[in-house]
């Protein structure tokens, strides 16, 4: 996020205050209409203001880490192919600076290092930074540990006068192997999740509905004092969509990108 830390902290405070104020105003109006007691409504509004403010503060506090995680996944997903591209250019005699320029141009099509190559090339071309200092600065960000490791090796190879093409090609092969192992593990997770899906969203609702029908036919059919006419809609419109949403969220959090 290209926002100064103090400016973002001010933004967090303003958003939390605004969320708390709007929530408290609505709570005050509702409590006043229901109770006809301004004192009670004021207490409720103050409590809602505190809770709403904390929710606004928590969301704005977590938002940068959410964006950082999204960028990390984007970088890690394309890193094997990006490093391979860098290896091809370096092997053909292209200088390191022109490699960064090519990566910045590649990112115009949303391919590359998630916009970081554009930032590095801008720092070199417009701000006058040298290649080593720009790479060091990018590696220290730590957005992606894999990218930081690649950039550290990039710096070491340039300083020692090594073969950049060979370095990038060897790193690309290692990243490809790592990517294949991650995808293999994810396939194993998908198998487990599919079994959970079949059990929670196919077998269990059918078994429960059949059980309720059979129990009703022999004179029973209530669970916890609720009859089939109450339980079946809850299962169909509540439990099944809820379980599906939980599984989708779990898959999104576990997906390697």
Protein backbone atom coordinates (compact mmCIF):
# COMPACT_ATOMS: atom_id res chain seq x y z
CA UNK A 1 0.00 0.00 0.00
CA UNK A 2 1.53 3.29 -1.11
CA UNK A 3 0.25 5.20 1.93
CA UNK A 4 2.41 6.62 4.75
CA UNK A 5 1.94 4.82 8.06
CA UNK A 6 0.76 7.91 9.96
CA UNK A 7 -1.77 8.73 7.22
CA UNK A 8 -3.18 5.21 7.34
CA UNK A 9 -3.45 5.33 11.15
CA UNK A 10 -5.45 8.55 10.80
CA UNK A 11 -7.64 6.82 8.20
CA UNK A 12 -8.21 3.92 10.63
CA UNK A 13 -9.33 6.29 13.39
CA UNK A 14 -11.67 8.25 11.09
CA UNK A 15 -13.27 5.09 9.69
CA UNK A 16 -13.74 3.52 13.14
CA UNK A 17 -15.30 6.76 14.46
CA UNK A 18 -17.60 7.03 11.43
CA UNK A 19 -18.73 3.40 11.69
CA UNK A 20 -19.33 3.77 15.43
CA UNK A 21 -21.27 7.04 14.98
CA UNK A 22 -23.56 5.69 12.24
CA UNK A 23 -24.24 2.49 14.20
CA UNK A 24 -24.86 4.45 17.43
CA UNK A 25 -27.25 6.87 15.70
CA UNK A 26 -29.33 4.02 14.29
CA UNK A 27 -29.30 2.22 17.64
CA UNK A 28 -30.40 5.40 19.47
CA UNK A 29 -33.32 5.98 17.10
CA UNK A 30 -34.43 2.34 17.33
CA UNK A 31 -34.04 2.15 21.13
CA UNK A 32 -35.92 5.45 21.58
CA UNK A 33 -38.79 4.21 19.46
CA UNK A 34 -39.03 0.93 21.36
CA UNK A 35 -38.50 2.12 24.93
CA UNK A 36 -39.46 5.83 25.01
CA UNK A 37 -36.52 6.29 27.41
CA UNK A 38 -33.75 8.66 26.25
CA UNK A 39 -31.45 7.45 29.04
CA UNK A 40 -31.77 3.80 28.04
CA UNK A 41 -31.39 4.72 24.37
CA UNK A 42 -28.24 6.72 25.19
CA UNK A 43 -26.67 3.78 27.05
CA UNK A 44 -27.48 1.43 24.16
CA UNK A 45 -26.13 3.95 21.63
CA UNK A 46 -22.87 4.34 23.57
CA UNK A 47 -22.40 0.55 23.75
CA UNK A 48 -23.13 0.22 20.03
CA UNK A 49 -20.70 3.09 19.30
CA UNK A 50 -17.90 1.29 21.13
CA UNK A 51 -18.64 -2.06 19.45
CA UNK A 52 -19.01 -0.50 15.98
CA UNK A 53 -15.82 1.51 16.43
CA UNK A 54 -13.90 -1.61 17.42
CA UNK A 55 -15.22 -3.47 14.38
CA UNK A 56 -14.21 -0.59 12.09
CA UNK A 57 -10.78 -0.40 13.72
CA UNK A 58 -10.27 -4.17 13.47
CA UNK A 59 -11.24 -4.25 9.78
CA UNK A 60 -8.96 -1.35 8.80
CA UNK A 61 -6.15 -2.87 10.90
CA UNK A 62 -6.44 -6.25 9.15
CA UNK A 63 -7.00 -4.90 5.64
CA UNK A 64 -3.28 -4.33 4.81
CA UNK A 65 -2.43 -7.90 5.83
CA UNK A 66 -5.28 -9.19 3.64
CA UNK A 67 -3.92 -7.21 0.67
CA UNK A 68 -0.40 -8.39 1.44
CA UNK A 69 -1.53 -12.02 1.54
CA UNK A 70 -3.32 -11.61 -1.79
CA UNK A 71 -0.20 -10.10 -3.39
CA UNK A 72 1.98 -12.86 -1.92
CA UNK A 73 -0.25 -15.53 -3.46
CA UNK A 74 -0.16 -13.71 -6.81
CA UNK A 75 3.66 -13.48 -6.74
CA UNK A 76 4.21 -17.08 -5.62
CA UNK A 77 1.81 -18.41 -8.25
CA UNK A 78 3.67 -16.85 -11.18
CA UNK A 79 7.19 -16.83 -9.74
CA UNK A 80 8.42 -20.08 -11.38
CA UNK A 81 7.41 -18.83 -14.83
CA UNK A 82 8.71 -15.30 -14.19
CA UNK A 83 12.11 -16.57 -13.04
CA UNK A 84 12.24 -18.87 -16.07
CA UNK A 85 11.53 -15.84 -18.30
CA UNK A 86 14.34 -13.93 -16.56
CA UNK A 87 16.66 -16.88 -17.15
CA UNK A 88 15.87 -16.95 -20.87
CA UNK A 89 16.60 -13.23 -21.21
CA UNK A 90 19.83 -13.42 -19.19
CA UNK A 91 21.06 -16.44 -21.15
CA UNK A 92 20.60 -14.52 -24.38
CA UNK A 93 22.93 -11.76 -23.16
CA UNK A 94 20.37 -9.21 -21.93
CA UNK A 95 21.70 -7.02 -19.10
CA UNK A 96 20.17 -7.16 -15.64
CA UNK A 97 18.68 -3.68 -15.99
CA UNK A 98 16.99 -4.59 -19.27
CA UNK A 99 15.65 -7.76 -17.65
CA UNK A 100 13.90 -5.58 -15.05
CA UNK A 101 12.58 -3.37 -17.84
CA UNK A 102 11.15 -6.39 -19.64
CA UNK A 103 9.51 -7.59 -16.42
CA UNK A 104 7.94 -4.14 -15.89
CA UNK A 105 6.53 -4.26 -19.42
CA UNK A 106 5.28 -7.80 -18.82
CA UNK A 107 3.36 -6.65 -15.74
CA UNK A 108 1.19 -4.38 -17.90
CA UNK A 109 -0.57 -7.62 -18.88
CA UNK A 110 -0.94 -8.64 -15.17
CA UNK A 111 1.88 -11.17 -15.47
CA UNK A 112 5.06 -11.10 -13.42
CA UNK A 113 5.77 -10.11 -9.83
CA UNK A 114 2.46 -8.53 -8.89
CA UNK A 115 3.62 -5.00 -9.76
CA UNK A 116 6.91 -5.17 -7.84
CA UNK A 117 9.04 -5.27 -10.99
CA UNK A 118 7.40 -2.02 -12.13
CA UNK A 119 8.27 -0.43 -8.78
CA UNK A 120 11.88 -1.59 -8.99
CA UNK A 121 12.29 -0.34 -12.55
CA UNK A 122 10.72 3.00 -11.58
CA UNK A 123 13.19 3.35 -8.71
CA UNK A 124 16.07 2.75 -11.10
CA UNK A 125 14.89 4.91 -14.00
CA UNK A 126 13.11 7.81 -12.31
CA UNK A 127 14.63 7.94 -8.83
CA UNK A 128 18.20 7.17 -9.85
CA UNK A 129 18.69 4.04 -7.74
CA UNK A 130 21.32 1.49 -8.68
CA UNK A 131 20.38 -2.14 -9.31
CA UNK A 132 21.83 -3.54 -6.06
CA UNK A 133 20.17 -1.00 -3.74
CA UNK A 134 16.81 -1.41 -5.48
CA UNK A 135 16.96 -5.20 -5.23
CA UNK A 136 17.98 -4.95 -1.55
CA UNK A 137 15.07 -2.62 -0.80
CA UNK A 138 12.62 -4.96 -2.51
CA UNK A 139 13.99 -8.04 -0.73
CA UNK A 140 13.61 -6.32 2.66
CA UNK A 141 9.87 -5.82 2.07
CA UNK A 142 9.37 -9.54 2.68
CA UNK A 143 6.07 -9.70 0.78
CA UNK A 144 7.02 -13.16 -0.48
CA UNK A 145 9.85 -15.12 1.18
CA UNK A 146 10.40 -16.93 -2.11
CA UNK A 147 10.82 -13.67 -4.00
CA UNK A 148 13.14 -12.27 -1.30
CA UNK A 149 15.33 -15.37 -1.61
CA UNK A 150 15.47 -15.03 -5.41
CA UNK A 151 16.42 -11.36 -5.15
CA UNK A 152 19.14 -12.08 -2.56
CA UNK A 153 20.60 -14.66 -4.93
CA UNK A 154 20.26 -12.14 -7.78
CA UNK A 155 22.35 -9.64 -5.77
CA UNK A 156 25.00 -12.22 -4.90
CA UNK A 157 25.30 -13.37 -8.52
CA UNK A 158 25.66 -9.80 -9.84
CA UNK A 159 28.27 -8.94 -7.22
CA UNK A 160 30.32 -12.06 -7.86
CA UNK A 161 30.07 -11.72 -11.64
CA UNK A 162 28.32 -15.08 -11.99
CA UNK A 163 26.15 -16.34 -14.80
CA UNK A 164 22.68 -14.86 -14.26
CA UNK A 165 21.12 -17.09 -16.91
CA UNK A 166 22.33 -20.25 -15.20
CA UNK A 167 21.27 -18.93 -11.78
CA UNK A 168 17.73 -18.09 -12.88
CA UNK A 169 17.31 -21.38 -14.73
CA UNK A 170 18.39 -23.43 -11.71
CA UNK A 171 16.09 -21.41 -9.44
CA UNK A 172 13.21 -21.83 -11.89
CA UNK A 173 13.65 -25.61 -11.84
CA UNK A 174 13.62 -25.61 -8.03
CA UNK A 175 10.50 -23.42 -7.95
CA UNK A 176 8.78 -25.70 -10.46
CA UNK A 177 9.48 -28.72 -8.24
CA UNK A 178 8.17 -26.81 -5.22
CA UNK A 179 5.06 -25.76 -7.16
CA UNK A 180 4.36 -29.34 -8.20
CA UNK A 181 4.67 -30.58 -4.60
CA UNK A 182 2.34 -27.81 -3.35
CA UNK A 183 -0.24 -28.66 -6.00
CA UNK A 184 0.03 -32.36 -5.16
CA UNK A 185 -0.65 -31.59 -1.49
CA UNK A 186 -3.59 -29.42 -2.51
CA UNK A 187 -5.05 -32.26 -4.57
CA UNK A 188 -4.87 -34.46 -1.45
CA UNK A 189 -6.70 -31.73 0.48
CA UNK A 190 -9.34 -31.58 -2.28
CA UNK A 191 -9.92 -35.32 -1.93
CA UNK A 192 -10.49 -34.89 1.81
CA UNK A 193 -12.79 -31.89 1.29
CA UNK A 194 -14.79 -33.77 -1.36
CA UNK A 195 -15.43 -36.54 1.16
CA UNK A 196 -16.59 -33.94 3.69
CA UNK A 197 -18.82 -32.42 1.01
CA UNK A 198 -20.42 -35.74 0.18
CA UNK A 199 -21.01 -36.47 3.85
CA UNK A 200 -22.29 -33.05 4.98
CA UNK A 201 -24.18 -31.85 1.92
CA UNK A 202 -25.38 -35.03 0.22
CA UNK A 203 -25.59 -38.03 2.53
CA UNK A 204 -26.48 -36.42 5.88
CA UNK A 205 -29.41 -34.22 4.65
CA UNK A 206 -30.90 -37.16 2.75
CA UNK A 207 -30.52 -39.53 5.71
CA UNK A 208 -32.04 -36.95 8.06
CA UNK A 209 -35.03 -36.25 5.82
CA UNK A 210 -35.69 -39.98 5.26
CA UNK A 211 -35.38 -40.58 9.01
CA UNK A 212 -37.89 -37.83 9.76
CA UNK A 213 -40.34 -39.21 7.20
CA UNK A 214 -40.06 -42.73 8.64
CA UNK A 215 -40.43 -41.45 12.22
CA UNK A 216 -43.48 -39.41 11.24
CA UNK A 217 -45.10 -42.42 9.59
CA UNK A 218 -44.79 -44.46 12.80
CA UNK A 219 -46.04 -41.70 15.06
CA UNK A 220 -42.87 -39.82 16.02
CA UNK A 221 -40.78 -37.48 13.93
CA UNK A 222 -39.95 -34.63 16.27
CA UNK A 223 -36.41 -33.66 17.31
CA UNK A 224 -36.06 -31.33 20.27
CA UNK A 225 -39.78 -30.56 20.11
CA UNK A 226 -39.60 -29.50 16.43
CA UNK A 227 -41.51 -31.41 13.77
CA UNK A 228 -40.46 -32.26 10.21
CA UNK A 229 -42.23 -29.19 8.81
CA UNK A 230 -39.74 -27.06 10.82
CA UNK A 231 -36.59 -29.19 10.57
CA UNK A 232 -36.65 -29.95 6.83
CA UNK A 233 -36.68 -26.27 5.68
CA UNK A 234 -33.89 -25.53 8.19
CA UNK A 235 -31.82 -28.36 6.70
CA UNK A 236 -32.51 -27.37 3.08
CA UNK A 237 -32.28 -23.58 3.38
CA UNK A 238 -29.96 -23.27 6.36
CA UNK A 239 -27.60 -26.16 7.00
CA UNK A 240 -26.81 -27.10 3.39
CA UNK A 241 -26.01 -23.54 2.16
CA UNK A 242 -24.12 -22.80 5.40
CA UNK A 243 -21.98 -25.93 5.07
CA UNK A 244 -21.34 -25.08 1.40
CA UNK A 245 -20.19 -21.55 2.32
CA UNK A 246 -17.85 -22.93 5.00
CA UNK A 247 -16.32 -25.41 2.53
CA UNK A 248 -15.83 -22.68 -0.10
CA UNK A 249 -14.12 -20.41 2.43
CA UNK A 250 -11.91 -23.29 3.55
CA UNK A 251 -10.92 -24.08 -0.04
CA UNK A 252 -10.17 -20.40 -0.76
CA UNK A 253 -7.92 -20.17 2.32
CA UNK A 254 -6.10 -23.41 1.46
CA UNK A 255 -5.76 -22.74 -2.27
CA UNK A 256 -2.14 -22.18 -3.36
CA UNK A 257 -3.34 -19.67 -5.99
